């Protein structure tokens, strides 16, 4: 039986998967589809990944295409740039997004700029997968949410799936892209389940948001873990407040039109993202809606995120700074 996803794309069959399983399925399908694609990263082979995402892929594709690397992010990120420039399609795993700073030179001055500096003649088909976010008591150096850095960087794209369906569809599009894509996985929702299309041709275009739940009173634009928090809250408020929930999915390119259409209907906007509030994803969404949809707004836009601090090791303090349904509820109460 044919169904329709939140992207409006018709699919023939779905299967219940966790986000972890959906990512692994996308990797498996793309490795089978394109012999130039390969994986590289720390402990992704026999060990199956630090958070068990790559799993048994090494058994199916061998050590040449699922390559364990030394603990040298700068080294293997540079190798990925060179591999992409010479005709292959590397998929790099950086264990925690906090470690992306170690390989900043290879990203900022090589990966992001090569196509531009060669007049568009050099393709750079690199996908960088990395985990981010708190909730695991992993302390500051393993819990940051830094996707805004890369959405801000010309020459690369940044995506932040909030569902299993989005994880599979966006990752397949990222791998097929001829430009660098950073794929940010919130590690606290790997076990979150959802219906995922099993069609190997299923993708979600980069730069497309998804209306996960329709509503009339207030729009919540969310990313990653905050999507599920928003959907659960919307269900609780049903009959009292009608909440429209949008999974932003791509930070850059951003689907501004979907946001504007929603705000034109509801007149109110909440932006929920697990990153620091200042100079970030929230601010970009706010700016785009203010610039083009100001006269649709009936109340000030509200932001829900992490205070301008690092994620604490203490579980109690970690819970205090993490955005959640209570914070989203408080923001809705301020405007509805």
Protein backbone atom coordinates (compact mmCIF):
# COMPACT_ATOMS: atom_id res chain seq x y z
CA UNK A 1 0.00 0.00 0.00
CA UNK A 2 1.28 3.44 -0.93
CA UNK A 3 1.67 6.05 1.81
CA UNK A 4 2.88 9.65 1.90
CA UNK A 5 5.70 10.95 4.09
CA UNK A 6 6.00 14.34 5.76
CA UNK A 7 7.94 15.48 2.70
CA UNK A 8 5.00 14.78 0.39
CA UNK A 9 6.97 11.97 -1.31
CA UNK A 10 4.90 8.86 -2.03
CA UNK A 11 6.47 5.58 -0.86
CA UNK A 12 5.31 2.01 -1.35
CA UNK A 13 6.24 0.37 1.95
CA UNK A 14 7.55 1.29 5.39
CA UNK A 15 9.17 -0.50 8.30
CA UNK A 16 9.50 0.49 11.94
CA UNK A 17 13.14 1.36 12.70
CA UNK A 18 15.10 3.22 15.31
CA UNK A 19 17.09 6.24 14.17
CA UNK A 20 20.25 4.16 14.64
CA UNK A 21 18.88 1.44 12.35
CA UNK A 22 17.68 3.97 9.77
CA UNK A 23 21.15 5.51 9.53
CA UNK A 24 22.76 2.09 9.16
CA UNK A 25 20.24 1.15 6.46
CA UNK A 26 21.01 4.33 4.52
CA UNK A 27 24.74 3.57 4.73
CA UNK A 28 24.19 -0.02 3.62
CA UNK A 29 22.08 0.99 0.63
CA UNK A 30 24.48 3.69 -0.54
CA UNK A 31 27.55 1.47 -0.19
CA UNK A 32 25.77 -1.16 -2.28
CA UNK A 33 24.63 1.42 -4.86
CA UNK A 34 27.96 3.21 -5.40
CA UNK A 35 31.26 1.32 -5.35
CA UNK A 36 33.14 4.61 -4.99
CA UNK A 37 31.53 5.24 -1.58
CA UNK A 38 33.39 4.11 1.54
CA UNK A 39 33.33 4.71 5.30
CA UNK A 40 36.20 5.84 7.49
CA UNK A 41 36.44 6.66 11.19
CA UNK A 42 37.53 5.49 14.61
CA UNK A 43 36.23 2.06 15.71
CA UNK A 44 33.59 1.86 12.95
CA UNK A 45 34.69 -1.54 11.66
CA UNK A 46 34.83 -4.65 13.84
CA UNK A 47 33.74 -2.67 16.91
CA UNK A 48 30.68 -1.37 15.03
CA UNK A 49 30.99 2.26 16.10
CA UNK A 50 31.24 3.83 19.53
CA UNK A 51 27.44 4.06 19.63
CA UNK A 52 26.84 0.94 17.51
CA UNK A 53 25.65 2.78 14.40
CA UNK A 54 27.83 1.13 11.73
CA UNK A 55 27.19 -2.29 13.30
CA UNK A 56 27.93 -5.19 10.95
CA UNK A 57 28.62 -3.17 7.81
CA UNK A 58 32.25 -4.31 7.80
CA UNK A 59 31.05 -7.91 7.42
CA UNK A 60 29.11 -7.02 4.29
CA UNK A 61 31.57 -4.64 2.62
CA UNK A 62 35.00 -5.52 4.02
CA UNK A 63 37.76 -3.51 5.64
CA UNK A 64 38.64 -1.63 2.44
CA UNK A 65 35.25 0.09 2.39
CA UNK A 66 34.62 0.28 6.14
CA UNK A 67 37.98 1.60 7.28
CA UNK A 68 39.08 1.92 10.88
CA UNK A 69 41.36 4.92 11.33
CA UNK A 70 43.90 5.94 13.96
CA UNK A 71 42.86 8.48 16.59
CA UNK A 72 43.86 11.34 14.31
CA UNK A 73 40.87 13.38 13.21
CA UNK A 74 43.05 15.89 11.38
CA UNK A 75 44.76 13.09 9.45
CA UNK A 76 41.74 11.18 8.24
CA UNK A 77 39.67 14.30 7.55
CA UNK A 78 42.49 15.48 5.30
CA UNK A 79 42.56 12.05 3.67
CA UNK A 80 38.82 12.33 3.01
CA UNK A 81 39.28 15.70 1.28
CA UNK A 82 41.96 14.22 -0.96
CA UNK A 83 39.90 11.12 -1.68
CA UNK A 84 36.88 13.20 -2.66
CA UNK A 85 38.96 15.46 -4.91
CA UNK A 86 40.28 12.43 -6.78
CA UNK A 87 36.98 10.72 -7.55
CA UNK A 88 35.75 8.72 -4.57
CA UNK A 89 32.90 9.42 -2.14
CA UNK A 90 34.12 9.24 1.48
CA UNK A 91 31.69 9.07 4.42
CA UNK A 92 33.60 10.15 7.52
CA UNK A 93 32.55 9.50 11.09
CA UNK A 94 33.77 11.89 13.77
CA UNK A 95 32.98 10.20 17.06
CA UNK A 96 31.75 13.36 18.83
CA UNK A 97 31.12 16.72 17.18
CA UNK A 98 33.26 18.42 19.83
CA UNK A 99 36.27 16.84 18.08
CA UNK A 100 35.59 18.65 14.80
CA UNK A 101 37.79 21.47 16.08
CA UNK A 102 40.78 19.14 15.83
CA UNK A 103 40.39 19.00 12.03
CA UNK A 104 39.28 22.60 11.48
CA UNK A 105 42.04 23.39 8.97
CA UNK A 106 41.05 20.54 6.66
CA UNK A 107 37.39 21.61 6.85
CA UNK A 108 37.61 25.42 6.83
CA UNK A 109 40.39 25.95 4.31
CA UNK A 110 40.26 22.82 2.14
CA UNK A 111 36.92 21.01 2.10
CA UNK A 112 34.75 24.13 2.20
CA UNK A 113 36.79 26.19 -0.28
CA UNK A 114 38.11 23.80 -2.92
CA UNK A 115 35.16 23.99 -5.32
CA UNK A 116 35.12 27.79 -5.08
CA UNK A 117 38.89 28.20 -5.49
CA UNK A 118 38.97 25.91 -8.54
CA UNK A 119 36.18 27.85 -10.24
CA UNK A 120 33.56 25.15 -9.70
CA UNK A 121 35.62 22.46 -11.44
CA UNK A 122 36.52 20.49 -8.31
CA UNK A 123 33.77 18.40 -6.75
CA UNK A 124 33.96 17.63 -3.04
CA UNK A 125 31.52 14.76 -2.27
CA UNK A 126 32.33 14.30 1.42
CA UNK A 127 29.73 13.37 4.03
CA UNK A 128 30.73 13.90 7.66
CA UNK A 129 28.62 12.06 10.24
CA UNK A 130 28.98 13.07 13.85
CA UNK A 131 27.09 12.83 17.13
CA UNK A 132 26.16 15.75 19.35
CA UNK A 133 24.00 16.77 22.28
CA UNK A 134 23.71 16.08 25.98
CA UNK A 135 21.65 13.66 28.01
CA UNK A 136 24.24 10.92 28.53
CA UNK A 137 26.30 12.40 31.36
CA UNK A 138 29.29 12.57 29.03
CA UNK A 139 30.52 15.99 30.26
CA UNK A 140 31.40 19.09 28.27
CA UNK A 141 33.94 17.67 25.81
CA UNK A 142 31.50 15.02 24.53
CA UNK A 143 28.12 16.79 24.78
CA UNK A 144 28.26 19.97 22.73
CA UNK A 145 25.80 20.91 20.01
CA UNK A 146 27.81 22.84 17.42
CA UNK A 147 25.85 22.40 14.19
CA UNK A 148 25.40 26.16 13.86
CA UNK A 149 29.16 26.55 13.21
CA UNK A 150 28.88 24.53 10.03
CA UNK A 151 25.58 25.98 8.86
CA UNK A 152 27.39 29.33 9.01
CA UNK A 153 30.34 28.15 6.88
CA UNK A 154 30.08 28.89 3.12
CA UNK A 155 30.76 25.85 0.99
CA UNK A 156 29.21 23.15 3.19
CA UNK A 157 25.70 22.03 4.11
CA UNK A 158 24.41 21.03 7.53
CA UNK A 159 21.49 18.73 8.36
CA UNK A 160 19.91 17.77 11.70
CA UNK A 161 17.32 14.97 11.39
CA UNK A 162 14.69 14.63 14.11
CA UNK A 163 13.13 11.32 13.07
CA UNK A 164 14.11 7.93 11.72
CA UNK A 165 12.49 8.73 8.37
CA UNK A 166 14.43 11.99 8.09
CA UNK A 167 17.67 10.30 9.14
CA UNK A 168 17.51 7.79 6.30
CA UNK A 169 16.26 10.16 3.60
CA UNK A 170 18.64 13.01 4.41
CA UNK A 171 21.70 10.79 4.80
CA UNK A 172 21.16 9.20 1.40
CA UNK A 173 20.87 12.67 -0.16
CA UNK A 174 23.99 13.80 1.69
CA UNK A 175 26.03 10.88 0.39
CA UNK A 176 24.86 11.51 -3.18
CA UNK A 177 25.67 15.22 -3.01
CA UNK A 178 28.75 16.48 -4.85
CA UNK A 179 29.31 19.08 -2.11
CA UNK A 180 30.30 18.55 1.54
CA UNK A 181 27.46 17.76 3.93
CA UNK A 182 27.71 17.61 7.72
CA UNK A 183 25.19 15.18 9.16
CA UNK A 184 24.56 15.83 12.85
CA UNK A 185 23.06 12.96 14.87
CA UNK A 186 21.63 13.66 18.32
CA UNK A 187 22.90 10.73 20.33
CA UNK A 188 20.08 10.88 22.88
CA UNK A 189 17.48 9.79 20.29
CA UNK A 190 19.20 6.88 18.58
CA UNK A 191 16.58 4.51 20.05
CA UNK A 192 13.62 6.66 18.95
CA UNK A 193 11.44 4.64 16.57
CA UNK A 194 9.45 5.64 13.50
CA UNK A 195 8.12 4.42 10.19
CA UNK A 196 10.85 4.45 7.52
CA UNK A 197 10.40 3.86 3.77
CA UNK A 198 12.18 0.72 2.62
CA UNK A 199 12.47 1.84 -1.01
CA UNK A 200 16.16 2.11 -1.88
CA UNK A 201 15.43 5.18 -4.02
CA UNK A 202 13.80 7.03 -1.12
CA UNK A 203 15.53 10.31 -0.31
CA UNK A 204 14.65 13.68 1.24
CA UNK A 205 16.02 16.71 -0.63
CA UNK A 206 18.56 18.74 1.30
CA UNK A 207 16.98 22.05 2.23
CA UNK A 208 13.47 20.72 2.82
CA UNK A 209 11.64 21.01 6.15
CA UNK A 210 8.82 18.67 7.17
CA UNK A 211 5.50 19.60 8.80
CA UNK A 212 5.25 16.75 11.30
CA UNK A 213 1.94 17.87 12.82
CA UNK A 214 -0.49 20.50 11.58
CA UNK A 215 -1.95 23.14 13.90
CA UNK A 216 -3.59 26.55 13.94
CA UNK A 217 -2.52 28.42 17.08
CA UNK A 218 1.28 28.32 17.25
CA UNK A 219 4.19 27.01 15.17
CA UNK A 220 7.07 25.15 16.82
CA UNK A 221 10.12 24.84 14.56
CA UNK A 222 12.37 22.21 16.10
CA UNK A 223 15.47 20.14 15.41
CA UNK A 224 16.68 16.70 16.48
CA UNK A 225 15.53 15.72 20.00
CA UNK A 226 13.33 18.81 20.28
CA UNK A 227 11.12 17.48 17.45
CA UNK A 228 9.96 14.54 19.55
CA UNK A 229 9.59 16.72 22.65
CA UNK A 230 7.41 19.12 20.63
CA UNK A 231 5.25 16.37 19.15
CA UNK A 232 4.61 14.82 22.56
CA UNK A 233 3.69 18.22 23.97
CA UNK A 234 1.40 18.99 21.02
CA UNK A 235 -0.47 15.77 21.69
CA UNK A 236 -0.87 16.69 25.37
CA UNK A 237 -2.21 20.15 24.46
CA UNK A 238 -4.63 18.90 21.81
CA UNK A 239 -8.08 20.36 22.42
CA UNK A 240 -6.57 23.26 24.35
CA UNK A 241 -3.93 24.68 22.00
CA UNK A 242 -3.43 23.60 18.38
CA UNK A 243 0.33 23.28 17.84
CA UNK A 244 1.96 22.94 14.43
CA UNK A 245 5.33 21.14 14.63
CA UNK A 246 7.97 21.49 11.91
CA UNK A 247 11.16 19.44 11.76
CA UNK A 248 13.63 21.91 10.22
CA UNK A 249 15.76 18.96 8.97
CA UNK A 250 18.29 21.14 7.09
CA UNK A 251 19.99 24.12 8.70
CA UNK A 252 21.70 25.06 5.46
CA UNK A 253 20.11 25.28 3.02
CA UNK A 254 17.07 26.27 5.10
CA UNK A 255 13.48 25.87 3.93
CA UNK A 256 12.29 29.38 4.69
CA UNK A 257 9.10 29.08 2.62
CA UNK A 258 7.67 26.30 4.80
CA UNK A 259 8.33 28.38 7.92
CA UNK A 260 6.66 31.45 6.45
CA UNK A 261 3.60 29.52 5.30
CA UNK A 262 3.15 28.10 8.78
CA UNK A 263 3.58 31.41 10.58
CA UNK A 264 1.15 33.07 8.19
CA UNK A 265 -1.43 30.55 9.43
CA UNK A 266 -0.66 30.49 13.18
CA UNK A 267 0.72 33.98 13.83
CA UNK A 268 3.07 32.69 16.53
CA UNK A 269 6.50 31.04 16.41
CA UNK A 270 8.64 29.06 18.86
CA UNK A 271 12.15 27.91 17.83
CA UNK A 272 13.45 24.90 19.78
CA UNK A 273 17.02 23.73 19.20
CA UNK A 274 19.58 22.12 21.51
CA UNK A 275 22.30 24.67 20.90
CA UNK A 276 23.37 27.83 22.76
CA UNK A 277 20.83 30.63 22.36
CA UNK A 278 23.15 33.43 21.27
CA UNK A 279 24.18 33.91 17.60
CA UNK A 280 22.82 30.56 16.49
CA UNK A 281 20.21 28.49 14.72
CA UNK A 282 17.43 30.16 16.67
CA UNK A 283 18.60 33.60 15.55
CA UNK A 284 18.73 32.62 11.88
CA UNK A 285 15.16 31.28 11.93
CA UNK A 286 13.99 34.40 13.77
CA UNK A 287 15.74 36.72 11.30
CA UNK A 288 14.29 35.02 8.22
CA UNK A 289 10.74 35.09 9.57
CA UNK A 290 11.07 38.69 10.79
CA UNK A 291 12.43 39.89 7.45
CA UNK A 292 9.76 38.30 5.28
CA UNK A 293 6.86 37.50 7.60
CA UNK A 294 6.79 40.25 10.21
CA UNK A 295 3.21 41.26 9.51
CA UNK A 296 2.02 37.67 10.01
CA UNK A 297 3.18 37.68 13.63
CA UNK A 298 0.73 38.27 16.46
CA UNK A 299 3.30 37.86 19.26
CA UNK A 300 7.06 38.04 19.79
CA UNK A 301 9.02 35.00 18.57
CA UNK A 302 10.26 32.78 21.41
CA UNK A 303 13.47 30.74 21.61
CA UNK A 304 14.07 27.50 23.54
CA UNK A 305 17.63 26.23 23.78
CA UNK A 306 20.73 25.85 25.92
CA UNK A 307 21.87 28.86 27.97
CA UNK A 308 25.26 30.21 26.90
CA UNK A 309 27.17 27.61 28.86
CA UNK A 310 28.85 24.24 28.42
CA UNK A 311 26.97 21.03 29.21
CA UNK A 312 27.69 20.02 32.85
CA UNK A 313 28.74 16.53 33.91
CA UNK A 314 26.33 16.51 36.87
CA UNK A 315 23.06 14.82 35.77
CA UNK A 316 20.99 17.32 37.75
CA UNK A 317 22.75 20.31 36.21
CA UNK A 318 22.67 18.72 32.75
CA UNK A 319 18.88 18.37 32.99
CA UNK A 320 18.66 21.99 34.11
CA UNK A 321 20.28 23.40 30.96
CA UNK A 322 18.82 21.00 28.38
CA UNK A 323 15.80 22.24 26.39
CA UNK A 324 12.72 20.08 26.93
CA UNK A 325 8.93 19.98 26.70
CA UNK A 326 8.59 22.11 29.84
CA UNK A 327 10.63 24.87 28.21
CA UNK A 328 8.59 24.66 25.02
CA UNK A 329 5.37 24.72 27.06
CA UNK A 330 6.53 27.86 28.88
CA UNK A 331 7.31 29.54 25.55
CA UNK A 332 3.86 28.66 24.22
CA UNK A 333 2.23 30.02 27.38
CA UNK A 334 4.00 33.34 26.83
CA UNK A 335 2.45 33.87 23.40
CA UNK A 336 -0.87 32.00 23.30
